[in-house]
Amino acid sequence: GALAAAVAVAAAVVLLAGAARGRGG
């Protein structure tokens, strides 16, 4: 469960950082 949560959080961080760069972050 901890591994699945860590992978989900890492994927979310990657997607949010990509979205911030796309918006001009």
mmCIF file of all heavy atoms, coordinates in Angstrom:
data_MODEL
# 
_entry.id   MODEL 
# 
loop_
_atom_site.group_PDB 
_atom_site.id 
_atom_site.type_symbol 
_atom_site.label_atom_id 
_atom_site.label_alt_id 
_atom_site.label_comp_id 
_atom_site.label_asym_id 
_atom_site.label_entity_id 
_atom_site.label_seq_id 
_atom_site.pdbx_PDB_ins_code 
_atom_site.Cartn_x 
_atom_site.Cartn_y 
_atom_site.Cartn_z 
_atom_site.occupancy 
_atom_site.B_iso_or_equiv 
_atom_site.pdbx_formal_charge 
_atom_site.auth_seq_id 
_atom_site.auth_comp_id 
_atom_site.auth_asym_id 
_atom_site.auth_atom_id 
_atom_site.pdbx_PDB_model_num 
ATOM 1   N N   . GLY A 1 1  ? 0.818  -1.213 0.000   1.00 0.00 ? 1  GLY A N   1 
ATOM 2   C CA  . GLY A 1 1  ? 0.000  0.000  0.000   1.00 0.00 ? 1  GLY A CA  1 
ATOM 3   C C   . GLY A 1 1  ? 0.848  1.258  0.000   1.00 0.00 ? 1  GLY A C   1 
ATOM 4   O O   . GLY A 1 1  ? 0.547  2.236  -0.701  1.00 0.00 ? 1  GLY A O   1 
ATOM 5   N N   . ALA A 1 2  ? 1.927  1.244  0.784   1.00 0.00 ? 2  ALA A N   1 
ATOM 6   C CA  . ALA A 1 2  ? 2.831  2.398  0.812   1.00 0.00 ? 2  ALA A CA  1 
ATOM 7   C C   . ALA A 1 2  ? 3.513  2.593  -0.535  1.00 0.00 ? 2  ALA A C   1 
ATOM 8   O O   . ALA A 1 2  ? 3.674  3.726  -1.004  1.00 0.00 ? 2  ALA A O   1 
ATOM 9   C CB  . ALA A 1 2  ? 3.877  2.215  1.909   1.00 0.00 ? 2  ALA A CB  1 
ATOM 10  N N   . LEU A 1 3  ? 3.895  1.488  -1.180  1.00 0.00 ? 3  LEU A N   1 
ATOM 11  C CA  . LEU A 1 3  ? 4.505  1.577  -2.507  1.00 0.00 ? 3  LEU A CA  1 
ATOM 12  C C   . LEU A 1 3  ? 3.519  2.138  -3.522  1.00 0.00 ? 3  LEU A C   1 
ATOM 13  O O   . LEU A 1 3  ? 3.874  3.023  -4.312  1.00 0.00 ? 3  LEU A O   1 
ATOM 14  C CB  . LEU A 1 3  ? 5.007  0.197  -2.942  1.00 0.00 ? 3  LEU A CB  1 
ATOM 15  C CG  . LEU A 1 3  ? 5.591  0.099  -4.347  1.00 0.00 ? 3  LEU A CG  1 
ATOM 16  C CD1 . LEU A 1 3  ? 6.857  0.955  -4.458  1.00 0.00 ? 3  LEU A CD1 1 
ATOM 17  C CD2 . LEU A 1 3  ? 5.881  -1.342 -4.695  1.00 0.00 ? 3  LEU A CD2 1 
ATOM 18  N N   . ALA A 1 4  ? 2.277  1.654  -3.489  1.00 0.00 ? 4  ALA A N   1 
ATOM 19  C CA  . ALA A 1 4  ? 1.265  2.155  -4.424  1.00 0.00 ? 4  ALA A CA  1 
ATOM 20  C C   . ALA A 1 4  ? 0.993  3.643  -4.188  1.00 0.00 ? 4  ALA A C   1 
ATOM 21  O O   . ALA A 1 4  ? 0.857  4.414  -5.149  1.00 0.00 ? 4  ALA A O   1 
ATOM 22  C CB  . ALA A 1 4  ? -0.021 1.348  -4.274  1.00 0.00 ? 4  ALA A CB  1 
ATOM 23  N N   . ALA A 1 5  ? 0.936  4.043  -2.930  1.00 0.00 ? 5  ALA A N   1 
ATOM 24  C CA  . ALA A 1 5  ? 0.713  5.456  -2.621  1.00 0.00 ? 5  ALA A CA  1 
ATOM 25  C C   . ALA A 1 5  ? 1.886  6.309  -3.089  1.00 0.00 ? 5  ALA A C   1 
ATOM 26  O O   . ALA A 1 5  ? 1.686  7.404  -3.634  1.00 0.00 ? 5  ALA A O   1 
ATOM 27  C CB  . ALA A 1 5  ? 0.495  5.636  -1.120  1.00 0.00 ? 5  ALA A CB  1 
ATOM 28  N N   . ALA A 1 6  ? 3.106  5.822  -2.891  1.00 0.00 ? 6  ALA A N   1 
ATOM 29  C CA  . ALA A 1 6  ? 4.282  6.588  -3.326  1.00 0.00 ? 6  ALA A CA  1 
ATOM 30  C C   . ALA A 1 6  ? 4.308  6.746  -4.842  1.00 0.00 ? 6  ALA A C   1 
ATOM 31  O O   . ALA A 1 6  ? 4.617  7.833  -5.357  1.00 0.00 ? 6  ALA A O   1 
ATOM 32  C CB  . ALA A 1 6  ? 5.557  5.901  -2.843  1.00 0.00 ? 6  ALA A CB  1 
ATOM 33  N N   . VAL A 1 7  ? 3.955  5.698  -5.570  1.00 0.00 ? 7  VAL A N   1 
ATOM 34  C CA  . VAL A 1 7  ? 3.923  5.792  -7.034  1.00 0.00 ? 7  VAL A CA  1 
ATOM 35  C C   . VAL A 1 7  ? 2.823  6.754  -7.480  1.00 0.00 ? 7  VAL A C   1 
ATOM 36  O O   . VAL A 1 7  ? 3.028  7.563  -8.388  1.00 0.00 ? 7  VAL A O   1 
ATOM 37  C CB  . VAL A 1 7  ? 3.749  4.389  -7.657  1.00 0.00 ? 7  VAL A CB  1 
ATOM 38  C CG1 . VAL A 1 7  ? 3.444  4.480  -9.144  1.00 0.00 ? 7  VAL A CG1 1 
ATOM 39  C CG2 . VAL A 1 7  ? 4.999  3.553  -7.427  1.00 0.00 ? 7  VAL A CG2 1 
ATOM 40  N N   . ALA A 1 8  ? 1.665  6.684  -6.842  1.00 0.00 ? 8  ALA A N   1 
ATOM 41  C CA  . ALA A 1 8  ? 0.568  7.585  -7.199  1.00 0.00 ? 8  ALA A CA  1 
ATOM 42  C C   . ALA A 1 8  ? 0.933  9.048  -6.920  1.00 0.00 ? 8  ALA A C   1 
ATOM 43  O O   . ALA A 1 8  ? 0.658  9.926  -7.737  1.00 0.00 ? 8  ALA A O   1 
ATOM 44  C CB  . ALA A 1 8  ? -0.691 7.199  -6.424  1.00 0.00 ? 8  ALA A CB  1 
ATOM 45  N N   . VAL A 1 9  ? 1.569  9.301  -5.787  1.00 0.00 ? 9  VAL A N   1 
ATOM 46  C CA  . VAL A 1 9  ? 1.981  10.668 -5.459  1.00 0.00 ? 9  VAL A CA  1 
ATOM 47  C C   . VAL A 1 9  ? 3.043  11.160 -6.436  1.00 0.00 ? 9  VAL A C   1 
ATOM 48  O O   . VAL A 1 9  ? 2.994  12.305 -6.910  1.00 0.00 ? 9  VAL A O   1 
ATOM 49  C CB  . VAL A 1 9  ? 2.477  10.753 -3.994  1.00 0.00 ? 9  VAL A CB  1 
ATOM 50  C CG1 . VAL A 1 9  ? 3.200  12.059 -3.719  1.00 0.00 ? 9  VAL A CG1 1 
ATOM 51  C CG2 . VAL A 1 9  ? 1.311  10.586 -3.044  1.00 0.00 ? 9  VAL A CG2 1 
ATOM 52  N N   . ALA A 1 10 ? 3.998  10.307 -6.768  1.00 0.00 ? 10 ALA A N   1 
ATOM 53  C CA  . ALA A 1 10 ? 5.043  10.707 -7.716  1.00 0.00 ? 10 ALA A CA  1 
ATOM 54  C C   . ALA A 1 10 ? 4.458  11.010 -9.090  1.00 0.00 ? 10 ALA A C   1 
ATOM 55  O O   . ALA A 1 10 ? 4.839  11.993 -9.736  1.00 0.00 ? 10 ALA A O   1 
ATOM 56  C CB  . ALA A 1 10 ? 6.101  9.606  -7.822  1.00 0.00 ? 10 ALA A CB  1 
ATOM 57  N N   . ALA A 1 11 ? 3.506  10.192 -9.550  1.00 0.00 ? 11 ALA A N   1 
ATOM 58  C CA  . ALA A 1 11 ? 2.865  10.451 -10.845 1.00 0.00 ? 11 ALA A CA  1 
ATOM 59  C C   . ALA A 1 11 ? 2.072  11.758 -10.795 1.00 0.00 ? 11 ALA A C   1 
ATOM 60  O O   . ALA A 1 11 ? 2.093  12.543 -11.753 1.00 0.00 ? 11 ALA A O   1 
ATOM 61  C CB  . ALA A 1 11 ? 1.964  9.287  -11.230 1.00 0.00 ? 11 ALA A CB  1 
ATOM 62  N N   . ALA A 1 12 ? 1.392  12.014 -9.683  1.00 0.00 ? 12 ALA A N   1 
ATOM 63  C CA  . ALA A 1 12 ? 0.634  13.260 -9.551  1.00 0.00 ? 12 ALA A CA  1 
ATOM 64  C C   . ALA A 1 12 ? 1.563  14.465 -9.552  1.00 0.00 ? 12 ALA A C   1 
ATOM 65  O O   . ALA A 1 12 ? 1.250  15.499 -10.167 1.00 0.00 ? 12 ALA A O   1 
ATOM 66  C CB  . ALA A 1 12 ? -0.204 13.231 -8.273  1.00 0.00 ? 12 ALA A CB  1 
ATOM 67  N N   . VAL A 1 13 ? 2.704  14.356 -8.883  1.00 0.00 ? 13 VAL A N   1 
ATOM 68  C CA  . VAL A 1 13 ? 3.673  15.458 -8.860  1.00 0.00 ? 13 VAL A CA  1 
ATOM 69  C C   . VAL A 1 13 ? 4.184  15.735 -10.275 1.00 0.00 ? 13 VAL A C   1 
ATOM 70  O O   . VAL A 1 13 ? 4.294  16.892 -10.695 1.00 0.00 ? 13 VAL A O   1 
ATOM 71  C CB  . VAL A 1 13 ? 4.828  15.144 -7.886  1.00 0.00 ? 13 VAL A CB  1 
ATOM 72  C CG1 . VAL A 1 13 ? 6.002  16.082 -8.089  1.00 0.00 ? 13 VAL A CG1 1 
ATOM 73  C CG2 . VAL A 1 13 ? 4.343  15.214 -6.459  1.00 0.00 ? 13 VAL A CG2 1 
ATOM 74  N N   . VAL A 1 14 ? 4.475  14.672 -11.017 1.00 0.00 ? 14 VAL A N   1 
ATOM 75  C CA  . VAL A 1 14 ? 4.951  14.842 -12.399 1.00 0.00 ? 14 VAL A CA  1 
ATOM 76  C C   . VAL A 1 14 ? 3.891  15.531 -13.244 1.00 0.00 ? 14 VAL A C   1 
ATOM 77  O O   . VAL A 1 14 ? 4.181  16.474 -13.989 1.00 0.00 ? 14 VAL A O   1 
ATOM 78  C CB  . VAL A 1 14 ? 5.345  13.476 -13.011 1.00 0.00 ? 14 VAL A CB  1 
ATOM 79  C CG1 . VAL A 1 14 ? 5.514  13.572 -14.511 1.00 0.00 ? 14 VAL A CG1 1 
ATOM 80  C CG2 . VAL A 1 14 ? 6.607  12.952 -12.368 1.00 0.00 ? 14 VAL A CG2 1 
ATOM 81  N N   . LEU A 1 15 ? 2.645  15.086 -13.129 1.00 0.00 ? 15 LEU A N   1 
ATOM 82  C CA  . LEU A 1 15 ? 1.574  15.677 -13.934 1.00 0.00 ? 15 LEU A CA  1 
ATOM 83  C C   . LEU A 1 15 ? 1.288  17.123 -13.535 1.00 0.00 ? 15 LEU A C   1 
ATOM 84  O O   . LEU A 1 15 ? 1.076  17.983 -14.398 1.00 0.00 ? 15 LEU A O   1 
ATOM 85  C CB  . LEU A 1 15 ? 0.308  14.836 -13.815 1.00 0.00 ? 15 LEU A CB  1 
ATOM 86  C CG  . LEU A 1 15 ? 0.384  13.469 -14.487 1.00 0.00 ? 15 LEU A CG  1 
ATOM 87  C CD1 . LEU A 1 15 ? -0.852 12.648 -14.150 1.00 0.00 ? 15 LEU A CD1 1 
ATOM 88  C CD2 . LEU A 1 15 ? 0.553  13.618 -15.985 1.00 0.00 ? 15 LEU A CD2 1 
ATOM 89  N N   . LEU A 1 16 ? 1.288  17.405 -12.233 1.00 0.00 ? 16 LEU A N   1 
ATOM 90  C CA  . LEU A 1 16 ? 1.032  18.776 -11.787 1.00 0.00 ? 16 LEU A CA  1 
ATOM 91  C C   . LEU A 1 16 ? 2.171  19.712 -12.171 1.00 0.00 ? 16 LEU A C   1 
ATOM 92  O O   . LEU A 1 16 ? 1.937  20.868 -12.533 1.00 0.00 ? 16 LEU A O   1 
ATOM 93  C CB  . LEU A 1 16 ? 0.781  18.809 -10.283 1.00 0.00 ? 16 LEU A CB  1 
ATOM 94  C CG  . LEU A 1 16 ? -0.532 18.172 -9.833  1.00 0.00 ? 16 LEU A CG  1 
ATOM 95  C CD1 . LEU A 1 16 ? -0.607 18.122 -8.319  1.00 0.00 ? 16 LEU A CD1 1 
ATOM 96  C CD2 . LEU A 1 16 ? -1.718 18.908 -10.411 1.00 0.00 ? 16 LEU A CD2 1 
ATOM 97  N N   . ALA A 1 17 ? 3.393  19.234 -12.082 1.00 0.00 ? 17 ALA A N   1 
ATOM 98  C CA  . ALA A 1 17 ? 4.533  20.064 -12.489 1.00 0.00 ? 17 ALA A CA  1 
ATOM 99  C C   . ALA A 1 17 ? 4.484  20.323 -13.989 1.00 0.00 ? 17 ALA A C   1 
ATOM 100 O O   . ALA A 1 17 ? 4.784  21.431 -14.442 1.00 0.00 ? 17 ALA A O   1 
ATOM 101 C CB  . ALA A 1 17 ? 5.848  19.381 -12.110 1.00 0.00 ? 17 ALA A CB  1 
ATOM 102 N N   . GLY A 1 18 ? 4.092  19.326 -14.767 1.00 0.00 ? 18 GLY A N   1 
ATOM 103 C CA  . GLY A 1 18 ? 3.949  19.519 -16.208 1.00 0.00 ? 18 GLY A CA  1 
ATOM 104 C C   . GLY A 1 18 ? 2.842  20.492 -16.540 1.00 0.00 ? 18 GLY A C   1 
ATOM 105 O O   . GLY A 1 18 ? 2.969  21.319 -17.443 1.00 0.00 ? 18 GLY A O   1 
ATOM 106 N N   . ALA A 1 19 ? 1.744  20.425 -15.791 1.00 0.00 ? 19 ALA A N   1 
ATOM 107 C CA  . ALA A 1 19 ? 0.643  21.357 -16.014 1.00 0.00 ? 19 ALA A CA  1 
ATOM 108 C C   . ALA A 1 19 ? 1.053  22.783 -15.645 1.00 0.00 ? 19 ALA A C   1 
ATOM 109 O O   . ALA A 1 19 ? 0.681  23.741 -16.311 1.00 0.00 ? 19 ALA A O   1 
ATOM 110 C CB  . ALA A 1 19 ? -0.577 20.935 -15.203 1.00 0.00 ? 19 ALA A CB  1 
ATOM 111 N N   . ALA A 1 20 ? 1.837  22.924 -14.562 1.00 0.00 ? 20 ALA A N   1 
ATOM 112 C CA  . ALA A 1 20 ? 2.291  24.259 -14.158 1.00 0.00 ? 20 ALA A CA  1 
ATOM 113 C C   . ALA A 1 20 ? 3.218  24.857 -15.207 1.00 0.00 ? 20 ALA A C   1 
ATOM 114 O O   . ALA A 1 20 ? 3.146  26.046 -15.512 1.00 0.00 ? 20 ALA A O   1 
ATOM 115 C CB  . ALA A 1 20 ? 3.004  24.196 -12.812 1.00 0.00 ? 20 ALA A CB  1 
ATOM 116 N N   . ARG A 1 21 ? 4.087  24.034 -15.797 1.00 0.00 ? 21 ARG A N   1 
ATOM 117 C CA  . ARG A 1 21 ? 4.965  24.533 -16.850 1.00 0.00 ? 21 ARG A CA  1 
ATOM 118 C C   . ARG A 1 21 ? 4.163  24.909 -18.092 1.00 0.00 ? 21 ARG A C   1 
ATOM 119 O O   . ARG A 1 21 ? 4.487  25.856 -18.771 1.00 0.00 ? 21 ARG A O   1 
ATOM 120 C CB  . ARG A 1 21 ? 6.026  23.495 -17.203 1.00 0.00 ? 21 ARG A CB  1 
ATOM 121 C CG  . ARG A 1 21 ? 7.213  23.531 -16.294 1.00 0.00 ? 21 ARG A CG  1 
ATOM 122 C CD  . ARG A 1 21 ? 8.353  22.714 -16.844 1.00 0.00 ? 21 ARG A CD  1 
ATOM 123 N NE  . ARG A 1 21 ? 8.027  21.299 -16.949 1.00 0.00 ? 21 ARG A NE  1 
ATOM 124 C CZ  . ARG A 1 21 ? 8.047  20.443 -15.948 1.00 0.00 ? 21 ARG A CZ  1 
ATOM 125 N NH1 . ARG A 1 21 ? 8.365  20.865 -14.739 1.00 0.00 ? 21 ARG A NH1 1 
ATOM 126 N NH2 . ARG A 1 21 ? 7.755  19.181 -16.123 1.00 0.00 ? 21 ARG A NH2 1 
ATOM 127 N N   . GLY A 1 22 ? 3.117  24.153 -18.369 1.00 0.00 ? 22 GLY A N   1 
ATOM 128 C CA  . GLY A 1 22 ? 2.290  24.441 -19.537 1.00 0.00 ? 22 GLY A CA  1 
ATOM 129 C C   . GLY A 1 22 ? 1.500  25.727 -19.383 1.00 0.00 ? 22 GLY A C   1 
ATOM 130 O O   . GLY A 1 22 ? 1.177  26.390 -20.354 1.00 0.00 ? 22 GLY A O   1 
ATOM 131 N N   . ARG A 1 23 ? 1.158  26.108 -18.151 1.00 0.00 ? 23 ARG A N   1 
ATOM 132 C CA  . ARG A 1 23 ? 0.410  27.341 -17.888 1.00 0.00 ? 23 ARG A CA  1 
ATOM 133 C C   . ARG A 1 23 ? 1.315  28.545 -17.711 1.00 0.00 ? 23 ARG A C   1 
ATOM 134 O O   . ARG A 1 23 ? 0.835  29.638 -17.473 1.00 0.00 ? 23 ARG A O   1 
ATOM 135 C CB  . ARG A 1 23 ? -0.378 27.221 -16.594 1.00 0.00 ? 23 ARG A CB  1 
ATOM 136 C CG  . ARG A 1 23 ? -1.498 26.286 -16.581 1.00 0.00 ? 23 ARG A CG  1 
ATOM 137 C CD  . ARG A 1 23 ? -2.368 26.553 -15.365 1.00 0.00 ? 23 ARG A CD  1 
ATOM 138 N NE  . ARG A 1 23 ? -1.683 26.318 -14.105 1.00 0.00 ? 23 ARG A NE  1 
ATOM 139 C CZ  . ARG A 1 23 ? -1.712 25.185 -13.449 1.00 0.00 ? 23 ARG A CZ  1 
ATOM 140 N NH1 . ARG A 1 23 ? -2.335 24.162 -13.933 1.00 0.00 ? 23 ARG A NH1 1 
ATOM 141 N NH2 . ARG A 1 23 ? -1.087 25.061 -12.293 1.00 0.00 ? 23 ARG A NH2 1 
ATOM 142 N N   . GLY A 1 24 ? 2.603  28.317 -17.726 1.00 0.00 ? 24 GLY A N   1 
ATOM 143 C CA  . GLY A 1 24 ? 3.502  29.440 -17.504 1.00 0.00 ? 24 GLY A CA  1 
ATOM 144 C C   . GLY A 1 24 ? 3.959  29.536 -16.082 1.00 0.00 ? 24 GLY A C   1 
ATOM 145 O O   . GLY A 1 24 ? 4.295  30.605 -15.597 1.00 0.00 ? 24 GLY A O   1 
ATOM 146 N N   . GLY A 1 25 ? 3.978  28.421 -15.383 1.00 0.00 ? 25 GLY A N   1 
ATOM 147 C CA  . GLY A 1 25 ? 4.464  28.406 -14.017 1.00 0.00 ? 25 GLY A CA  1 
ATOM 148 C C   . GLY A 1 25 ? 5.980  28.502 -13.997 1.00 0.00 ? 25 GLY A C   1 
ATOM 149 O O   . GLY A 1 25 ? 6.613  28.797 -15.007 1.00 0.00 ? 25 GLY A O   1 
# 
